[in-house]
């Protein structure tokens, strides 16, 4: 497995519209993409910071994992995503090293990426995502 960089940091919010002014007006970042990922029941907004991105995650359904996260922990950092050249290989390698997976295979994510998650119980409480373009 080769991790090339931090692809993005996901931040769970109740409302993207409420948080856009902070990122755009205070930090001076430009939101370049807003999209809904239907199967994950989430709306996303992306900002570039150098090679890394900030992803705001707004639940579109109260049963989504992001809605449950906000209900349990409040708004805040949801996950860290690492870029890799092969999500399926990265997941298999992590599993072979004893890490519990949320996803056994890569699946479609925002911005056309293939994604896969590791269980936070095995990663110091941090939800970890692998991403592949």
N, C-alpha and C. Protein backbone atom coordinates (compact mmCIF):
# COMPACT_ATOMS: atom_id res chain seq x y z
N UNK A 1 0.86 -1.18 0.00
CA UNK A 1 0.00 0.00 0.00
C UNK A 1 0.89 1.23 0.00
N UNK A 2 0.56 2.17 -0.85
CA UNK A 2 1.27 3.44 -0.87
C UNK A 2 0.27 4.57 -0.64
N UNK A 3 0.49 5.30 0.45
CA UNK A 3 -0.30 6.49 0.74
C UNK A 3 0.47 7.68 0.16
N UNK A 4 -0.17 8.44 -0.72
CA UNK A 4 0.55 9.53 -1.37
C UNK A 4 0.38 10.88 -0.66
N UNK A 5 -0.77 11.09 -0.05
CA UNK A 5 -1.01 12.34 0.68
C UNK A 5 -2.36 12.25 1.40
N UNK A 6 -2.62 13.23 2.25
CA UNK A 6 -3.95 13.34 2.85
C UNK A 6 -4.85 13.93 1.77
N UNK A 7 -5.84 13.15 1.33
CA UNK A 7 -6.74 13.57 0.26
C UNK A 7 -7.71 14.63 0.77
N UNK A 8 -8.32 14.35 1.91
CA UNK A 8 -9.21 15.35 2.51
C UNK A 8 -9.47 15.04 3.98
N UNK A 9 -9.99 16.04 4.65
CA UNK A 9 -10.47 15.91 6.02
C UNK A 9 -11.96 16.17 5.98
N UNK A 10 -12.74 15.19 6.44
CA UNK A 10 -14.20 15.31 6.42
C UNK A 10 -14.71 15.90 7.72
N UNK A 11 -15.57 16.90 7.61
CA UNK A 11 -16.14 17.57 8.78
C UNK A 11 -17.66 17.48 8.70
N UNK A 12 -18.26 16.87 9.71
CA UNK A 12 -19.72 16.71 9.76
C UNK A 12 -20.36 18.00 10.26
N UNK A 13 -21.35 18.48 9.52
CA UNK A 13 -22.08 19.70 9.88
C UNK A 13 -23.57 19.47 9.68
N UNK A 14 -24.36 20.21 10.44
CA UNK A 14 -25.81 20.12 10.27
C UNK A 14 -26.26 20.82 8.99
N UNK A 15 -25.56 21.90 8.63
CA UNK A 15 -25.95 22.68 7.45
C UNK A 15 -24.71 23.24 6.77
N UNK A 16 -24.48 22.84 5.54
CA UNK A 16 -23.38 23.39 4.76
C UNK A 16 -23.56 24.90 4.60
N UNK A 17 -24.78 25.34 4.29
CA UNK A 17 -25.04 26.76 4.07
C UNK A 17 -24.66 27.61 5.27
N UNK A 18 -24.85 27.10 6.48
CA UNK A 18 -24.48 27.85 7.69
C UNK A 18 -22.97 27.98 7.83
N UNK A 19 -22.22 27.03 7.30
CA UNK A 19 -20.77 27.03 7.50
C UNK A 19 -19.97 27.58 6.33
N UNK A 20 -20.60 27.77 5.17
CA UNK A 20 -19.89 28.33 4.01
C UNK A 20 -19.24 29.68 4.32
N UNK A 21 -19.92 30.62 5.01
CA UNK A 21 -19.29 31.92 5.29
C UNK A 21 -17.97 31.80 6.06
N UNK A 22 -17.88 30.87 6.99
CA UNK A 22 -16.63 30.70 7.74
C UNK A 22 -15.49 30.32 6.80
N UNK A 23 -15.71 29.30 5.99
CA UNK A 23 -14.65 28.82 5.11
C UNK A 23 -14.32 29.82 4.00
N UNK A 24 -15.34 30.49 3.46
CA UNK A 24 -15.10 31.42 2.36
C UNK A 24 -14.69 32.82 2.83
N UNK A 25 -15.41 33.37 3.80
CA UNK A 25 -15.16 34.76 4.21
C UNK A 25 -14.06 34.89 5.24
N UNK A 26 -13.99 33.97 6.19
CA UNK A 26 -12.97 34.06 7.24
C UNK A 26 -11.65 33.44 6.77
N UNK A 27 -11.71 32.21 6.24
CA UNK A 27 -10.49 31.52 5.83
C UNK A 27 -10.06 31.87 4.40
N UNK A 28 -10.97 32.44 3.62
CA UNK A 28 -10.63 32.82 2.25
C UNK A 28 -10.55 31.65 1.28
N UNK A 29 -11.18 30.53 1.62
CA UNK A 29 -11.19 29.37 0.73
C UNK A 29 -12.39 29.45 -0.20
N UNK A 30 -12.27 28.84 -1.37
CA UNK A 30 -13.37 28.85 -2.33
C UNK A 30 -13.98 27.46 -2.41
N UNK A 31 -15.28 27.39 -2.22
CA UNK A 31 -15.99 26.12 -2.40
C UNK A 31 -16.06 25.87 -3.90
N UNK A 32 -15.47 24.76 -4.34
CA UNK A 32 -15.44 24.49 -5.78
C UNK A 32 -16.39 23.38 -6.21
N UNK A 33 -16.99 22.68 -5.25
CA UNK A 33 -17.90 21.59 -5.63
C UNK A 33 -18.87 21.30 -4.50
N UNK A 34 -20.15 21.28 -4.82
CA UNK A 34 -21.19 20.81 -3.90
C UNK A 34 -21.95 19.73 -4.63
N UNK A 35 -22.08 18.58 -4.01
CA UNK A 35 -22.82 17.48 -4.63
C UNK A 35 -23.47 16.61 -3.56
N UNK A 36 -24.49 15.88 -3.97
CA UNK A 36 -25.16 14.94 -3.08
C UNK A 36 -24.76 13.53 -3.49
N UNK A 37 -24.40 12.74 -2.48
CA UNK A 37 -24.07 11.33 -2.70
C UNK A 37 -25.26 10.55 -2.15
N UNK A 38 -26.17 10.20 -3.04
CA UNK A 38 -27.46 9.61 -2.65
C UNK A 38 -27.32 8.36 -1.79
N UNK A 39 -26.46 7.42 -2.18
CA UNK A 39 -26.38 6.16 -1.45
C UNK A 39 -25.79 6.33 -0.05
N UNK A 40 -25.07 7.43 0.18
CA UNK A 40 -24.53 7.71 1.52
C UNK A 40 -25.41 8.69 2.29
N UNK A 41 -26.47 9.16 1.64
CA UNK A 41 -27.42 10.09 2.26
C UNK A 41 -26.71 11.32 2.83
N UNK A 42 -25.87 11.92 1.98
CA UNK A 42 -25.07 13.05 2.43
C UNK A 42 -24.88 14.04 1.28
N UNK A 43 -24.84 15.32 1.65
CA UNK A 43 -24.49 16.40 0.73
C UNK A 43 -23.08 16.84 1.10
N UNK A 44 -22.23 17.07 0.11
CA UNK A 44 -20.84 17.42 0.39
C UNK A 44 -20.49 18.76 -0.25
N UNK A 45 -19.54 19.45 0.38
CA UNK A 45 -18.97 20.68 -0.17
C UNK A 45 -17.46 20.59 0.00
N UNK A 46 -16.72 20.94 -1.05
CA UNK A 46 -15.27 20.80 -1.03
C UNK A 46 -14.55 22.14 -1.18
N UNK A 47 -13.43 22.26 -0.45
CA UNK A 47 -12.54 23.42 -0.49
C UNK A 47 -11.12 22.89 -0.62
N UNK A 48 -10.31 23.49 -1.48
CA UNK A 48 -8.91 23.08 -1.61
C UNK A 48 -8.04 23.90 -0.68
N UNK A 49 -7.10 23.20 -0.04
CA UNK A 49 -6.08 23.84 0.79
C UNK A 49 -4.77 23.18 0.39
N UNK A 50 -4.07 23.77 -0.56
CA UNK A 50 -2.88 23.11 -1.12
C UNK A 50 -3.30 21.84 -1.83
N UNK A 51 -2.62 20.74 -1.51
CA UNK A 51 -2.93 19.45 -2.14
C UNK A 51 -4.08 18.73 -1.43
N UNK A 52 -4.44 19.22 -0.25
CA UNK A 52 -5.48 18.59 0.56
C UNK A 52 -6.79 19.34 0.40
N UNK A 53 -7.88 18.67 0.70
CA UNK A 53 -9.20 19.29 0.63
C UNK A 53 -9.88 19.21 2.00
N UNK A 54 -10.80 20.11 2.21
CA UNK A 54 -11.74 20.04 3.33
C UNK A 54 -13.07 19.63 2.72
N UNK A 55 -13.71 18.62 3.30
CA UNK A 55 -15.02 18.17 2.83
C UNK A 55 -16.03 18.38 3.95
N UNK A 56 -17.02 19.23 3.71
CA UNK A 56 -18.12 19.37 4.65
C UNK A 56 -19.16 18.31 4.30
N UNK A 57 -19.69 17.65 5.31
CA UNK A 57 -20.67 16.58 5.14
C UNK A 57 -21.95 16.95 5.85
N UNK A 58 -23.02 17.12 5.10
CA UNK A 58 -24.33 17.43 5.67
C UNK A 58 -25.26 16.25 5.42
N UNK A 59 -25.84 15.69 6.49
CA UNK A 59 -26.76 14.57 6.27
C UNK A 59 -28.01 15.01 5.51
N UNK A 60 -28.47 14.15 4.60
CA UNK A 60 -29.71 14.42 3.88
C UNK A 60 -30.85 13.56 4.40
N UNK A 61 -30.54 12.71 5.36
CA UNK A 61 -31.53 11.80 5.94
C UNK A 61 -31.11 11.52 7.38
N UNK A 62 -32.07 11.48 8.28
CA UNK A 62 -31.74 11.26 9.70
C UNK A 62 -31.18 9.87 9.98
N UNK A 63 -31.29 8.95 9.02
CA UNK A 63 -30.75 7.60 9.23
C UNK A 63 -29.32 7.46 8.71
N UNK A 64 -28.77 8.51 8.13
CA UNK A 64 -27.41 8.42 7.57
C UNK A 64 -26.37 8.30 8.68
N UNK A 65 -25.21 7.77 8.32
CA UNK A 65 -24.13 7.64 9.30
C UNK A 65 -23.65 9.01 9.78
N UNK A 66 -23.70 10.01 8.91
CA UNK A 66 -23.28 11.36 9.31
C UNK A 66 -24.29 11.95 10.30
N UNK A 67 -25.58 11.73 10.07
CA UNK A 67 -26.60 12.21 11.02
C UNK A 67 -26.42 11.56 12.38
N UNK A 68 -26.15 10.26 12.38
CA UNK A 68 -25.93 9.54 13.64
C UNK A 68 -24.67 10.04 14.34
N UNK A 69 -23.62 10.34 13.57
CA UNK A 69 -22.39 10.89 14.13
C UNK A 69 -22.68 12.22 14.83
N UNK A 70 -23.40 13.12 14.14
CA UNK A 70 -23.71 14.43 14.71
C UNK A 70 -24.58 14.28 15.96
N UNK A 71 -25.54 13.38 15.92
CA UNK A 71 -26.41 13.16 17.07
C UNK A 71 -25.60 12.69 18.29
N UNK A 72 -24.63 11.84 18.06
CA UNK A 72 -23.84 11.26 19.15
C UNK A 72 -22.71 12.18 19.61
N UNK A 73 -22.03 12.83 18.66
CA UNK A 73 -20.82 13.58 18.99
C UNK A 73 -20.89 15.08 18.72
N UNK A 74 -21.93 15.50 18.00
CA UNK A 74 -22.01 16.90 17.59
C UNK A 74 -21.23 17.13 16.31
N UNK A 75 -21.28 18.34 15.81
CA UNK A 75 -20.55 18.68 14.60
C UNK A 75 -19.05 18.62 14.87
N UNK A 76 -18.29 18.33 13.83
CA UNK A 76 -16.84 18.32 13.98
C UNK A 76 -16.16 17.35 13.03
N UNK A 77 -14.86 17.12 13.28
CA UNK A 77 -14.08 16.25 12.41
C UNK A 77 -14.70 14.86 12.39
N UNK A 78 -14.99 14.38 11.20
CA UNK A 78 -15.65 13.08 11.00
C UNK A 78 -14.66 12.02 10.56
N UNK A 79 -13.76 12.35 9.62
CA UNK A 79 -12.79 11.37 9.14
C UNK A 79 -11.60 12.04 8.48
N UNK A 80 -10.54 11.25 8.33
CA UNK A 80 -9.37 11.65 7.55
C UNK A 80 -9.26 10.68 6.39
N UNK A 81 -9.09 11.22 5.19
CA UNK A 81 -9.01 10.39 3.98
C UNK A 81 -7.60 10.46 3.40
N UNK A 82 -7.05 9.29 3.12
CA UNK A 82 -5.72 9.18 2.54
C UNK A 82 -5.82 8.73 1.09
N UNK A 83 -5.07 9.39 0.22
CA UNK A 83 -5.03 9.00 -1.19
C UNK A 83 -4.11 7.80 -1.36
N UNK A 84 -4.57 6.84 -2.13
CA UNK A 84 -3.78 5.65 -2.45
C UNK A 84 -4.01 5.30 -3.91
N UNK A 85 -3.09 4.53 -4.48
CA UNK A 85 -3.23 4.18 -5.89
C UNK A 85 -4.16 2.99 -6.11
N UNK A 86 -4.54 2.28 -5.03
CA UNK A 86 -5.43 1.13 -5.17
C UNK A 86 -6.18 0.90 -3.86
N UNK A 87 -7.43 1.32 -3.79
CA UNK A 87 -8.23 1.20 -2.57
C UNK A 87 -8.39 -0.26 -2.16
N UNK A 88 -8.70 -1.13 -3.11
CA UNK A 88 -8.93 -2.53 -2.75
C UNK A 88 -7.68 -3.19 -2.18
N UNK A 89 -6.52 -2.89 -2.74
CA UNK A 89 -5.27 -3.42 -2.19
C UNK A 89 -5.01 -2.84 -0.80
N UNK A 90 -5.26 -1.55 -0.61
CA UNK A 90 -5.05 -0.92 0.69
C UNK A 90 -5.96 -1.53 1.75
N UNK A 91 -7.22 -1.77 1.40
CA UNK A 91 -8.16 -2.40 2.34
C UNK A 91 -7.71 -3.82 2.68
N UNK A 92 -7.32 -4.58 1.67
CA UNK A 92 -6.88 -5.97 1.90
C UNK A 92 -5.63 -6.01 2.76
N UNK A 93 -4.71 -5.11 2.53
CA UNK A 93 -3.48 -5.07 3.31
C UNK A 93 -3.77 -4.70 4.77
N UNK A 94 -4.65 -3.72 4.97
CA UNK A 94 -5.02 -3.34 6.34
C UNK A 94 -5.69 -4.51 7.05
N UNK A 95 -6.59 -5.20 6.36
CA UNK A 95 -7.28 -6.35 6.96
C UNK A 95 -6.29 -7.46 7.29
N UNK A 96 -5.33 -7.70 6.42
CA UNK A 96 -4.31 -8.73 6.66
C UNK A 96 -3.46 -8.40 7.89
N UNK A 97 -3.39 -7.13 8.23
CA UNK A 97 -2.62 -6.69 9.41
C UNK A 97 -3.50 -6.60 10.65
N UNK A 98 -4.74 -7.12 10.56
CA UNK A 98 -5.61 -7.20 11.73
C UNK A 98 -6.54 -6.03 11.94
N UNK A 99 -6.62 -5.12 10.98
CA UNK A 99 -7.50 -3.95 11.11
C UNK A 99 -8.90 -4.34 10.66
N UNK A 100 -9.91 -4.01 11.47
CA UNK A 100 -11.30 -4.27 11.10
C UNK A 100 -11.74 -3.24 10.06
N UNK A 101 -12.40 -3.73 9.02
CA UNK A 101 -12.85 -2.87 7.93
C UNK A 101 -14.34 -2.57 8.03
N UNK A 102 -14.73 -1.40 7.58
CA UNK A 102 -16.14 -1.09 7.35
C UNK A 102 -16.49 -1.55 5.93
N UNK A 103 -15.58 -1.31 5.00
CA UNK A 103 -15.77 -1.70 3.60
C UNK A 103 -14.73 -2.75 3.22
N UNK A 104 -15.18 -3.89 2.72
CA UNK A 104 -14.27 -4.94 2.24
C UNK A 104 -13.75 -4.63 0.84
N UNK A 105 -14.52 -3.85 0.08
CA UNK A 105 -14.17 -3.45 -1.28
C UNK A 105 -14.45 -1.96 -1.44
N UNK A 106 -13.74 -1.34 -2.36
CA UNK A 106 -13.99 0.06 -2.65
C UNK A 106 -15.40 0.26 -3.20
N UNK A 107 -15.93 1.47 -2.97
CA UNK A 107 -17.27 1.82 -3.46
C UNK A 107 -17.24 3.26 -3.95
N UNK A 108 -18.24 3.66 -4.73
CA UNK A 108 -18.25 5.03 -5.25
C UNK A 108 -18.42 6.07 -4.14
N UNK A 109 -17.66 7.15 -4.24
CA UNK A 109 -17.76 8.26 -3.29
C UNK A 109 -17.92 9.58 -4.04
N UNK A 110 -17.87 10.67 -3.31
CA UNK A 110 -17.98 12.00 -3.90
C UNK A 110 -16.82 12.25 -4.86
N UNK A 111 -17.03 13.15 -5.79
CA UNK A 111 -16.04 13.57 -6.77
C UNK A 111 -15.52 12.43 -7.64
N UNK A 112 -16.30 11.37 -7.78
CA UNK A 112 -15.90 10.26 -8.63
C UNK A 112 -14.81 9.37 -8.06
N UNK A 113 -14.50 9.53 -6.79
CA UNK A 113 -13.46 8.71 -6.17
C UNK A 113 -14.01 7.34 -5.79
N UNK A 114 -13.12 6.36 -5.74
CA UNK A 114 -13.43 5.07 -5.14
C UNK A 114 -12.93 5.15 -3.70
N UNK A 115 -13.79 4.77 -2.76
CA UNK A 115 -13.46 4.94 -1.34
C UNK A 115 -13.65 3.64 -0.57
N UNK A 116 -13.02 3.57 0.60
CA UNK A 116 -13.20 2.46 1.52
C UNK A 116 -12.78 2.90 2.91
N UNK A 117 -13.53 2.46 3.92
CA UNK A 117 -13.30 2.91 5.29
C UNK A 117 -12.78 1.80 6.20
N UNK A 118 -11.92 2.20 7.14
CA UNK A 118 -11.45 1.34 8.21
C UNK A 118 -12.25 1.68 9.46
N UNK A 119 -12.49 0.69 10.31
CA UNK A 119 -13.27 0.91 11.53
C UNK A 119 -12.45 1.73 12.53
N UNK A 120 -13.04 2.78 13.12
CA UNK A 120 -12.29 3.64 14.04
C UNK A 120 -11.83 2.95 15.32
N UNK A 121 -12.46 1.85 15.68
CA UNK A 121 -12.03 1.13 16.89
C UNK A 121 -10.58 0.66 16.75
N UNK A 122 -10.15 0.45 15.52
CA UNK A 122 -8.82 -0.08 15.27
C UNK A 122 -7.83 0.98 14.82
N UNK A 123 -8.25 2.24 14.78
CA UNK A 123 -7.39 3.32 14.27
C UNK A 123 -7.30 4.48 15.25
N UNK A 124 -7.33 4.18 16.53
CA UNK A 124 -7.22 5.22 17.54
C UNK A 124 -8.42 6.13 17.62
N UNK A 125 -9.59 5.61 17.23
CA UNK A 125 -10.82 6.40 17.31
C UNK A 125 -11.05 7.31 16.12
N UNK A 126 -10.16 7.26 15.14
CA UNK A 126 -10.28 8.12 13.96
C UNK A 126 -10.84 7.30 12.79
N UNK A 127 -11.99 7.71 12.26
CA UNK A 127 -12.53 7.07 11.07
C UNK A 127 -11.57 7.36 9.93
N UNK A 128 -11.05 6.31 9.31
CA UNK A 128 -10.03 6.44 8.27
C UNK A 128 -10.60 5.98 6.93
N UNK A 129 -10.37 6.78 5.91
CA UNK A 129 -10.86 6.49 4.56
C UNK A 129 -9.68 6.40 3.61
N UNK A 130 -9.72 5.42 2.72
CA UNK A 130 -8.79 5.36 1.60
C UNK A 130 -9.53 5.86 0.37
N UNK A 131 -8.85 6.64 -0.49
CA UNK A 131 -9.45 7.20 -1.70
C UNK A 131 -8.55 6.91 -2.90
N UNK A 132 -9.20 6.61 -4.01
CA UNK A 132 -8.49 6.36 -5.27
C UNK A 132 -9.21 7.10 -6.39
N UNK A 133 -8.46 7.83 -7.21
CA UNK A 133 -9.06 8.52 -8.35
C UNK A 133 -9.37 7.54 -9.46
